């Protein structure tokens, strides 16, 4: 009899534990499984920053004509282009950039750059190389160094510093942003600022803030690689550059109705 009572007493906690487990809510069981599944792995994981150890080493070619447009005003029509192309991997590229304006049969603002680019983060690249001002004016050659990428809220930005073969310095700041009105209709404000340490009458540049080119473009993507657009654009000269252009009989600031296409491949 005593042995039976002892056996029942010993078995009672086990039975109570089984009853408690069977009556426990499903959430507690799930939570237990969740934490068990999230336990640290015995094998360490090596984080390589933004470099994917498998992807990103293949080389590709890409080109885009951001602006191929006619700018209309009572004084005449200007034609402008702004494009770039690159070849390389996600981390190392060679860039070719070109822009310029055809005004009254004269080519000016011809700017052509050959750059090496290295990724320094998922959103930014360091770039360095050479720039040549090549058009109907005097030719100038510059060393170039800067950054290009996507800033906060997906603003596309470029900031480049230059030093010329004549010991002059310059800087360029560019920015744009795409507002998606629909999947195909996109509104893009854009601006470019050029600064120089010394004036150069032959190139129509002045010390300080020399010139600004800006626009508000509304494009419609007929398909992913081709989009016509309409725009209002402004180009103007400031400080000493304004006086230089005025003395040479040029327009110091104009607002124009613009039509063009944007295409990439």
C-alpha atoms as a PDB file:
ATOM      1  CA  UNK A   1       0.000   0.000   0.000  1.00  0.00           C
ATOM      2  CA  UNK A   2       2.775   2.451   0.954  1.00  0.00           C
ATOM      3  CA  UNK A   3       4.690   1.599  -2.197  1.00  0.00           C
ATOM      4  CA  UNK A   4       1.634   2.354  -4.308  1.00  0.00           C
ATOM      5  CA  UNK A   5       1.202   5.791  -2.631  1.00  0.00           C
ATOM      6  CA  UNK A   6       4.852   6.639  -3.254  1.00  0.00           C
ATOM      7  CA  UNK A   7       4.574   5.627  -6.917  1.00  0.00           C
ATOM      8  CA  UNK A   8       1.449   7.763  -7.359  1.00  0.00           C
ATOM      9  CA  UNK A   9       3.168  10.756  -5.733  1.00  0.00           C
ATOM     10  CA  UNK A  10       6.164  10.438  -8.022  1.00  0.00           C
ATOM     11  CA  UNK A  11       4.010  10.116 -11.125  1.00  0.00           C
ATOM     12  CA  UNK A  12       1.761  13.107 -10.314  1.00  0.00           C
ATOM     13  CA  UNK A  13       4.232  15.918 -11.364  1.00  0.00           C
ATOM     14  CA  UNK A  14       4.889  14.143 -14.661  1.00  0.00           C
ATOM     15  CA  UNK A  15       1.187  13.881 -15.390  1.00  0.00           C
ATOM     16  CA  UNK A  16       0.649  17.551 -14.488  1.00  0.00           C
ATOM     17  CA  UNK A  17       3.481  18.602 -16.790  1.00  0.00           C
ATOM     18  CA  UNK A  18       1.960  16.606 -19.619  1.00  0.00           C
ATOM     19  CA  UNK A  19      -1.446  18.194 -18.990  1.00  0.00           C
ATOM     20  CA  UNK A  20       0.103  21.682 -18.939  1.00  0.00           C
ATOM     21  CA  UNK A  21       1.932  21.036 -22.213  1.00  0.00           C
ATOM     22  CA  UNK A  22      -1.226  19.783 -23.896  1.00  0.00           C
ATOM     23  CA  UNK A  23      -3.222  22.794 -22.682  1.00  0.00           C
ATOM     24  CA  UNK A  24      -0.528  25.376 -23.582  1.00  0.00           C
ATOM     25  CA  UNK A  25      -1.610  27.900 -26.270  1.00  0.00           C
ATOM     26  CA  UNK A  26      -0.344  27.413 -29.816  1.00  0.00           C
ATOM     27  CA  UNK A  27       1.384  30.788 -29.742  1.00  0.00           C
ATOM     28  CA  UNK A  28       3.774  29.678 -27.027  1.00  0.00           C
ATOM     29  CA  UNK A  29       4.659  26.550 -28.971  1.00  0.00           C
ATOM     30  CA  UNK A  30       5.153  28.596 -32.116  1.00  0.00           C
ATOM     31  CA  UNK A  31       7.288  31.088 -30.231  1.00  0.00           C
ATOM     32  CA  UNK A  32       9.461  28.292 -28.937  1.00  0.00           C
ATOM     33  CA  UNK A  33       9.945  26.945 -32.436  1.00  0.00           C
ATOM     34  CA  UNK A  34      10.677  30.464 -33.771  1.00  0.00           C
ATOM     35  CA  UNK A  35      13.419  31.102 -31.243  1.00  0.00           C
ATOM     36  CA  UNK A  36      14.888  27.691 -31.830  1.00  0.00           C
ATOM     37  CA  UNK A  37      14.978  28.292 -35.569  1.00  0.00           C
ATOM     38  CA  UNK A  38      16.623  31.686 -35.029  1.00  0.00           C
ATOM     39  CA  UNK A  39      19.409  30.317 -32.879  1.00  0.00           C
ATOM     40  CA  UNK A  40      22.878  31.403 -34.078  1.00  0.00           C
ATOM     41  CA  UNK A  41      24.465  29.128 -36.622  1.00  0.00           C
ATOM     42  CA  UNK A  42      27.562  27.255 -35.657  1.00  0.00           C
ATOM     43  CA  UNK A  43      29.120  28.297 -38.966  1.00  0.00           C
ATOM     44  CA  UNK A  44      30.180  32.010 -39.031  1.00  0.00           C
ATOM     45  CA  UNK A  45      28.842  34.212 -41.836  1.00  0.00           C
ATOM     46  CA  UNK A  46      31.338  36.633 -43.411  1.00  0.00           C
ATOM     47  CA  UNK A  47      29.844  39.992 -44.472  1.00  0.00           C
ATOM     48  CA  UNK A  48      31.562  41.551 -47.468  1.00  0.00           C
ATOM     49  CA  UNK A  49      29.908  44.963 -47.409  1.00  0.00           C
ATOM     50  CA  UNK A  50      28.287  45.908 -50.729  1.00  0.00           C
ATOM     51  CA  UNK A  51      30.404  43.420 -52.709  1.00  0.00           C
ATOM     52  CA  UNK A  52      28.503  40.320 -53.686  1.00  0.00           C
ATOM     53  CA  UNK A  53      31.027  37.450 -53.848  1.00  0.00           C
ATOM     54  CA  UNK A  54      29.139  35.795 -56.721  1.00  0.00           C
ATOM     55  CA  UNK A  55      27.631  38.567 -58.856  1.00  0.00           C
ATOM     56  CA  UNK A  56      28.940  41.865 -60.146  1.00  0.00           C
ATOM     57  CA  UNK A  57      32.185  40.820 -61.849  1.00  0.00           C
ATOM     58  CA  UNK A  58      30.869  40.487 -65.405  1.00  0.00           C
ATOM     59  CA  UNK A  59      31.406  43.395 -67.805  1.00  0.00           C
ATOM     60  CA  UNK A  60      28.618  45.214 -69.644  1.00  0.00           C
ATOM     61  CA  UNK A  61      28.168  48.144 -72.014  1.00  0.00           C
ATOM     62  CA  UNK A  62      25.520  50.816 -71.440  1.00  0.00           C
ATOM     63  CA  UNK A  63      24.821  54.168 -73.073  1.00  0.00           C
ATOM     64  CA  UNK A  64      22.238  56.893 -72.583  1.00  0.00           C
ATOM     65  CA  UNK A  65      21.430  60.160 -74.328  1.00  0.00           C
ATOM     66  CA  UNK A  66      19.906  62.182 -71.509  1.00  0.00           C
ATOM     67  CA  UNK A  67      19.268  65.223 -73.693  1.00  0.00           C
ATOM     68  CA  UNK A  68      18.971  65.442 -77.464  1.00  0.00           C
ATOM     69  CA  UNK A  69      16.883  68.546 -77.939  1.00  0.00           C
ATOM     70  CA  UNK A  70      16.032  71.715 -79.785  1.00  0.00           C
ATOM     71  CA  UNK A  71      15.614  74.886 -77.733  1.00  0.00           C
ATOM     72  CA  UNK A  72      13.320  77.421 -79.379  1.00  0.00           C
ATOM     73  CA  UNK A  73      13.311  81.187 -78.802  1.00  0.00           C
ATOM     74  CA  UNK A  74      12.514  84.274 -80.942  1.00  0.00           C
ATOM     75  CA  UNK A  75      16.239  84.909 -81.360  1.00  0.00           C
ATOM     76  CA  UNK A  76      16.887  81.484 -82.877  1.00  0.00           C
ATOM     77  CA  UNK A  77      16.955  77.773 -82.190  1.00  0.00           C
ATOM     78  CA  UNK A  78      19.766  76.021 -80.341  1.00  0.00           C
ATOM     79  CA  UNK A  79      20.447  72.298 -80.455  1.00  0.00           C
ATOM     80  CA  UNK A  80      21.918  70.591 -77.427  1.00  0.00           C
ATOM     81  CA  UNK A  81      23.077  67.110 -76.497  1.00  0.00           C
ATOM     82  CA  UNK A  82      24.141  65.503 -73.225  1.00  0.00           C
ATOM     83  CA  UNK A  83      25.030  61.820 -73.158  1.00  0.00           C
ATOM     84  CA  UNK A  84      27.246  59.240 -71.537  1.00  0.00           C
ATOM     85  CA  UNK A  85      28.304  55.616 -71.914  1.00  0.00           C
ATOM     86  CA  UNK A  86      30.222  53.146 -69.792  1.00  0.00           C
ATOM     87  CA  UNK A  87      31.805  49.730 -70.034  1.00  0.00           C
ATOM     88  CA  UNK A  88      32.754  47.525 -67.100  1.00  0.00           C
ATOM     89  CA  UNK A  89      31.461  45.655 -64.071  1.00  0.00           C
ATOM     90  CA  UNK A  90      29.392  46.844 -61.120  1.00  0.00           C
ATOM     91  CA  UNK A  91      32.564  47.968 -59.364  1.00  0.00           C
ATOM     92  CA  UNK A  92      34.978  49.129 -62.082  1.00  0.00           C
ATOM     93  CA  UNK A  93      33.935  51.072 -65.185  1.00  0.00           C
ATOM     94  CA  UNK A  94      35.303  53.288 -67.930  1.00  0.00           C
ATOM     95  CA  UNK A  95      33.011  56.252 -68.649  1.00  0.00           C
ATOM     96  CA  UNK A  96      32.722  58.499 -71.692  1.00  0.00           C
ATOM     97  CA  UNK A  97      30.679  61.688 -71.191  1.00  0.00           C
ATOM     98  CA  UNK A  98      29.917  64.341 -73.778  1.00  0.00           C
ATOM     99  CA  UNK A  99      27.792  67.480 -74.006  1.00  0.00           C
ATOM    100  CA  UNK A 100      27.601  70.587 -76.144  1.00  0.00           C
ATOM    101  CA  UNK A 101      25.419  73.154 -77.895  1.00  0.00           C
ATOM    102  CA  UNK A 102      25.050  74.175 -81.527  1.00  0.00           C
ATOM    103  CA  UNK A 103      24.053  77.848 -81.606  1.00  0.00           C
ATOM    104  CA  UNK A 104      23.753  79.873 -84.831  1.00  0.00           C
ATOM    105  CA  UNK A 105      25.935  77.385 -86.646  1.00  0.00           C
ATOM    106  CA  UNK A 106      28.653  77.587 -83.997  1.00  0.00           C
ATOM    107  CA  UNK A 107      29.538  74.731 -81.678  1.00  0.00           C
ATOM    108  CA  UNK A 108      30.246  75.755 -78.102  1.00  0.00           C
ATOM    109  CA  UNK A 109      30.183  74.367 -74.558  1.00  0.00           C
ATOM    110  CA  UNK A 110      31.749  71.204 -75.977  1.00  0.00           C
ATOM    111  CA  UNK A 111      32.776  69.137 -72.963  1.00  0.00           C
ATOM    112  CA  UNK A 112      34.106  65.581 -73.343  1.00  0.00           C
ATOM    113  CA  UNK A 113      35.356  63.408 -70.471  1.00  0.00           C
ATOM    114  CA  UNK A 114      37.057  60.014 -70.251  1.00  0.00           C
ATOM    115  CA  UNK A 115      36.923  58.676 -66.697  1.00  0.00           C
ATOM    116  CA  UNK A 116      37.713  55.625 -64.610  1.00  0.00           C
ATOM    117  CA  UNK A 117      35.004  54.862 -62.050  1.00  0.00           C
ATOM    118  CA  UNK A 118      35.210  52.776 -58.871  1.00  0.00           C
ATOM    119  CA  UNK A 119      32.228  51.864 -56.706  1.00  0.00           C
ATOM    120  CA  UNK A 120      32.638  52.999 -53.086  1.00  0.00           C
ATOM    121  CA  UNK A 121      29.115  52.175 -51.851  1.00  0.00           C
ATOM    122  CA  UNK A 122      25.872  50.730 -53.236  1.00  0.00           C
ATOM    123  CA  UNK A 123      24.921  54.233 -54.412  1.00  0.00           C
ATOM    124  CA  UNK A 124      28.100  56.181 -55.195  1.00  0.00           C
ATOM    125  CA  UNK A 125      31.152  55.948 -57.458  1.00  0.00           C
ATOM    126  CA  UNK A 126      34.469  57.754 -57.366  1.00  0.00           C
ATOM    127  CA  UNK A 127      35.576  58.970 -60.785  1.00  0.00           C
ATOM    128  CA  UNK A 128      38.833  60.310 -62.133  1.00  0.00           C
ATOM    129  CA  UNK A 129      40.245  61.039 -65.568  1.00  0.00           C
ATOM    130  CA  UNK A 130      40.573  63.755 -68.184  1.00  0.00           C
ATOM    131  CA  UNK A 131      38.249  66.404 -69.616  1.00  0.00           C
ATOM    132  CA  UNK A 132      38.713  68.197 -72.931  1.00  0.00           C
ATOM    133  CA  UNK A 133      36.845  71.350 -73.967  1.00  0.00           C
ATOM    134  CA  UNK A 134      36.672  70.782 -77.708  1.00  0.00           C
ATOM    135  CA  UNK A 135      34.457  72.924 -79.963  1.00  0.00           C
ATOM    136  CA  UNK A 136      34.791  76.072 -82.087  1.00  0.00           C
ATOM    137  CA  UNK A 137      36.536  77.894 -79.239  1.00  0.00           C
ATOM    138  CA  UNK A 138      40.037  77.446 -77.817  1.00  0.00           C
ATOM    139  CA  UNK A 139      40.771  73.915 -76.640  1.00  0.00           C
ATOM    140  CA  UNK A 140      41.347  73.373 -72.937  1.00  0.00           C
ATOM    141  CA  UNK A 141      42.421  70.203 -71.116  1.00  0.00           C
ATOM    142  CA  UNK A 142      41.629  69.373 -67.489  1.00  0.00           C
ATOM    143  CA  UNK A 143      42.255  66.656 -64.965  1.00  0.00           C
ATOM    144  CA  UNK A 144      38.974  65.537 -63.382  1.00  0.00           C
ATOM    145  CA  UNK A 145      38.067  63.960 -60.047  1.00  0.00           C
ATOM    146  CA  UNK A 146      34.624  63.600 -58.496  1.00  0.00           C
ATOM    147  CA  UNK A 147      31.703  61.498 -57.300  1.00  0.00           C
ATOM    148  CA  UNK A 148      28.500  60.397 -58.995  1.00  0.00           C
ATOM    149  CA  UNK A 149      25.490  58.537 -57.656  1.00  0.00           C
ATOM    150  CA  UNK A 150      22.114  58.598 -55.937  1.00  0.00           C
ATOM    151  CA  UNK A 151      21.683  60.772 -52.858  1.00  0.00           C
ATOM    152  CA  UNK A 152      18.858  60.749 -50.322  1.00  0.00           C
ATOM    153  CA  UNK A 153      15.382  60.206 -51.812  1.00  0.00           C
ATOM    154  CA  UNK A 154      16.941  59.015 -55.112  1.00  0.00           C
ATOM    155  CA  UNK A 155      18.307  62.381 -56.234  1.00  0.00           C
ATOM    156  CA  UNK A 156      20.856  61.790 -58.994  1.00  0.00           C
ATOM    157  CA  UNK A 157      23.894  63.959 -58.272  1.00  0.00           C
ATOM    158  CA  UNK A 158      27.364  64.596 -59.687  1.00  0.00           C
ATOM    159  CA  UNK A 159      30.122  66.737 -58.202  1.00  0.00           C
ATOM    160  CA  UNK A 160      33.403  67.074 -60.095  1.00  0.00           C
ATOM    161  CA  UNK A 161      36.530  69.166 -59.538  1.00  0.00           C
ATOM    162  CA  UNK A 162      38.919  70.078 -62.365  1.00  0.00           C
ATOM    163  CA  UNK A 163      42.456  71.380 -62.692  1.00  0.00           C
ATOM    164  CA  UNK A 164      43.623  72.643 -66.088  1.00  0.00           C
ATOM    165  CA  UNK A 165      46.965  72.401 -67.842  1.00  0.00           C
ATOM    166  CA  UNK A 166      47.255  76.145 -67.155  1.00  0.00           C
ATOM    167  CA  UNK A 167      46.915  75.761 -63.401  1.00  0.00           C
ATOM    168  CA  UNK A 168      43.289  76.887 -63.262  1.00  0.00           C
ATOM    169  CA  UNK A 169      40.610  75.218 -61.172  1.00  0.00           C
ATOM    170  CA  UNK A 170      36.937  74.591 -61.811  1.00  0.00           C
ATOM    171  CA  UNK A 171      34.005  72.672 -60.375  1.00  0.00           C
ATOM    172  CA  UNK A 172      30.708  71.367 -61.673  1.00  0.00           C
ATOM    173  CA  UNK A 173      27.608  70.420 -59.696  1.00  0.00           C
ATOM    174  CA  UNK A 174      24.733  68.570 -61.348  1.00  0.00           C
ATOM    175  CA  UNK A 175      21.475  67.221 -60.003  1.00  0.00           C
ATOM    176  CA  UNK A 176      18.172  65.808 -61.210  1.00  0.00           C
ATOM    177  CA  UNK A 177      15.151  63.975 -59.861  1.00  0.00           C
ATOM    178  CA  UNK A 178      12.411  61.895 -61.493  1.00  0.00           C
ATOM    179  CA  UNK A 179       8.821  62.413 -60.326  1.00  0.00           C
ATOM    180  CA  UNK A 180       6.762  59.461 -61.564  1.00  0.00           C
ATOM    181  CA  UNK A 181       3.349  60.916 -62.413  1.00  0.00           C
ATOM    182  CA  UNK A 182       2.379  57.552 -63.929  1.00  0.00           C
ATOM    183  CA  UNK A 183       4.383  54.481 -64.905  1.00  0.00           C
ATOM    184  CA  UNK A 184       5.253  56.183 -68.213  1.00  0.00           C
ATOM    185  CA  UNK A 185       4.858  59.932 -67.588  1.00  0.00           C
ATOM    186  CA  UNK A 186       7.819  61.420 -65.718  1.00  0.00           C
ATOM    187  CA  UNK A 187       8.580  64.996 -64.652  1.00  0.00           C
ATOM    188  CA  UNK A 188      12.277  65.762 -64.222  1.00  0.00           C
ATOM    189  CA  UNK A 189      13.782  68.978 -62.822  1.00  0.00           C
ATOM    190  CA  UNK A 190      17.491  69.286 -63.626  1.00  0.00           C
ATOM    191  CA  UNK A 191      20.244  71.830 -63.000  1.00  0.00           C
ATOM    192  CA  UNK A 192      23.958  72.220 -63.719  1.00  0.00           C
ATOM    193  CA  UNK A 193      26.270  74.820 -62.130  1.00  0.00           C
ATOM    194  CA  UNK A 194      29.793  75.636 -63.360  1.00  0.00           C
ATOM    195  CA  UNK A 195      32.348  77.494 -61.249  1.00  0.00           C
ATOM    196  CA  UNK A 196      35.852  78.711 -62.140  1.00  0.00           C
ATOM    197  CA  UNK A 197      38.712  80.335 -60.247  1.00  0.00           C
ATOM    198  CA  UNK A 198      39.800  82.493 -63.209  1.00  0.00           C
ATOM    199  CA  UNK A 199      38.092  84.074 -66.197  1.00  0.00           C
ATOM    200  CA  UNK A 200      38.732  82.857 -69.735  1.00  0.00           C
ATOM    201  CA  UNK A 201      37.227  85.146 -72.375  1.00  0.00           C
ATOM    202  CA  UNK A 202      37.989  82.684 -75.161  1.00  0.00           C
ATOM    203  CA  UNK A 203      35.778  80.089 -73.461  1.00  0.00           C
ATOM    204  CA  UNK A 204      33.177  82.618 -72.229  1.00  0.00           C
ATOM    205  CA  UNK A 205      33.723  81.683 -68.592  1.00  0.00           C
ATOM    206  CA  UNK A 206      34.164  83.971 -65.607  1.00  0.00           C
ATOM    207  CA  UNK A 207      35.591  83.676 -62.124  1.00  0.00           C
ATOM    208  CA  UNK A 208      33.085  82.488 -59.530  1.00  0.00           C
ATOM    209  CA  UNK A 209      29.715  81.108 -60.577  1.00  0.00           C
ATOM    210  CA  UNK A 210      30.130  81.283 -64.340  1.00  0.00           C
ATOM    211  CA  UNK A 211      26.979  79.744 -65.822  1.00  0.00           C
ATOM    212  CA  UNK A 212      23.869  77.728 -65.051  1.00  0.00           C
ATOM    213  CA  UNK A 213      21.881  75.377 -67.258  1.00  0.00           C
ATOM    214  CA  UNK A 214      18.526  74.170 -65.917  1.00  0.00           C
ATOM    215  CA  UNK A 215      15.322  72.635 -67.168  1.00  0.00           C
ATOM    216  CA  UNK A 216      11.982  71.126 -66.277  1.00  0.00           C
ATOM    217  CA  UNK A 217      11.285  68.196 -68.611  1.00  0.00           C
ATOM    218  CA  UNK A 218       8.110  66.180 -68.986  1.00  0.00           C
ATOM    219  CA  UNK A 219       8.768  62.930 -70.821  1.00  0.00           C
ATOM    220  CA  UNK A 220       6.589  60.036 -71.880  1.00  0.00           C
ATOM    221  CA  UNK A 221       8.205  56.622 -72.211  1.00  0.00           C
ATOM    222  CA  UNK A 222       6.772  55.094 -75.372  1.00  0.00           C
ATOM    223  CA  UNK A 223       8.864  52.098 -74.393  1.00  0.00           C
ATOM    224  CA  UNK A 224      11.576  51.651 -71.795  1.00  0.00           C
ATOM    225  CA  UNK A 225      14.434  52.796 -74.016  1.00  0.00           C
ATOM    226  CA  UNK A 226      12.816  55.725 -75.803  1.00  0.00           C
ATOM    227  CA  UNK A 227      11.032  58.769 -74.404  1.00  0.00           C
ATOM    228  CA  UNK A 228      10.156  62.045 -76.182  1.00  0.00           C
ATOM    229  CA  UNK A 229       9.745  65.096 -73.952  1.00  0.00           C
ATOM    230  CA  UNK A 230       8.769  68.739 -73.799  1.00  0.00           C
ATOM    231  CA  UNK A 231      10.456  71.183 -71.473  1.00  0.00           C
ATOM    232  CA  UNK A 232      11.142  74.703 -70.344  1.00  0.00           C
ATOM    233  CA  UNK A 233      14.890  75.331 -70.150  1.00  0.00           C
ATOM    234  CA  UNK A 234      17.079  78.171 -68.936  1.00  0.00           C
ATOM    235  CA  UNK A 235      20.721  78.948 -69.658  1.00  0.00           C
ATOM    236  CA  UNK A 236      22.450  82.002 -68.251  1.00  0.00           C
ATOM    237  CA  UNK A 237      25.803  83.566 -67.400  1.00  0.00           C
ATOM    238  CA  UNK A 238      26.764  85.303 -64.172  1.00  0.00           C
ATOM    239  CA  UNK A 239      29.470  87.514 -62.651  1.00  0.00           C
ATOM    240  CA  UNK A 240      32.366  88.175 -65.032  1.00  0.00           C
ATOM    241  CA  UNK A 241      31.118  85.635 -67.569  1.00  0.00           C
ATOM    242  CA  UNK A 242      27.979  87.725 -68.062  1.00  0.00           C
ATOM    243  CA  UNK A 243      30.055  90.759 -69.013  1.00  0.00           C
ATOM    244  CA  UNK A 244      32.273  88.699 -71.343  1.00  0.00           C
ATOM    245  CA  UNK A 245      29.313  87.209 -73.210  1.00  0.00           C
ATOM    246  CA  UNK A 246      27.588  90.596 -73.426  1.00  0.00           C
ATOM    247  CA  UNK A 247      30.715  92.239 -74.865  1.00  0.00           C
ATOM    248  CA  UNK A 248      30.915  89.475 -77.489  1.00  0.00           C
ATOM    249  CA  UNK A 249      27.300  90.051 -78.542  1.00  0.00           C
ATOM    250  CA  UNK A 250      25.890  86.851 -77.034  1.00  0.00           C
ATOM    251  CA  UNK A 251      22.754  86.236 -74.983  1.00  0.00           C
ATOM    252  CA  UNK A 252      23.431  86.396 -71.269  1.00  0.00           C
ATOM    253  CA  UNK A 253      20.300  84.543 -70.194  1.00  0.00           C
ATOM    254  CA  UNK A 254      17.398  82.911 -72.039  1.00  0.00           C
ATOM    255  CA  UNK A 255      14.300  80.880 -71.243  1.00  0.00           C
ATOM    256  CA  UNK A 256      13.311  78.555 -74.076  1.00  0.00           C
ATOM    257  CA  UNK A 257      10.591  76.130 -75.041  1.00  0.00           C
ATOM    258  CA  UNK A 258      12.300  72.806 -75.682  1.00  0.00           C
ATOM    259  CA  UNK A 259      11.484  69.510 -77.373  1.00  0.00           C
ATOM    260  CA  UNK A 260      13.684  66.439 -77.443  1.00  0.00           C
ATOM    261  CA  UNK A 261      14.156  62.741 -76.908  1.00  0.00           C
ATOM    262  CA  UNK A 262      15.806  60.631 -74.229  1.00  0.00           C
ATOM    263  CA  UNK A 263      17.077  57.211 -75.236  1.00  0.00           C
ATOM    264  CA  UNK A 264      19.326  54.499 -73.838  1.00  0.00           C
ATOM    265  CA  UNK A 265      20.770  51.161 -74.866  1.00  0.00           C
END
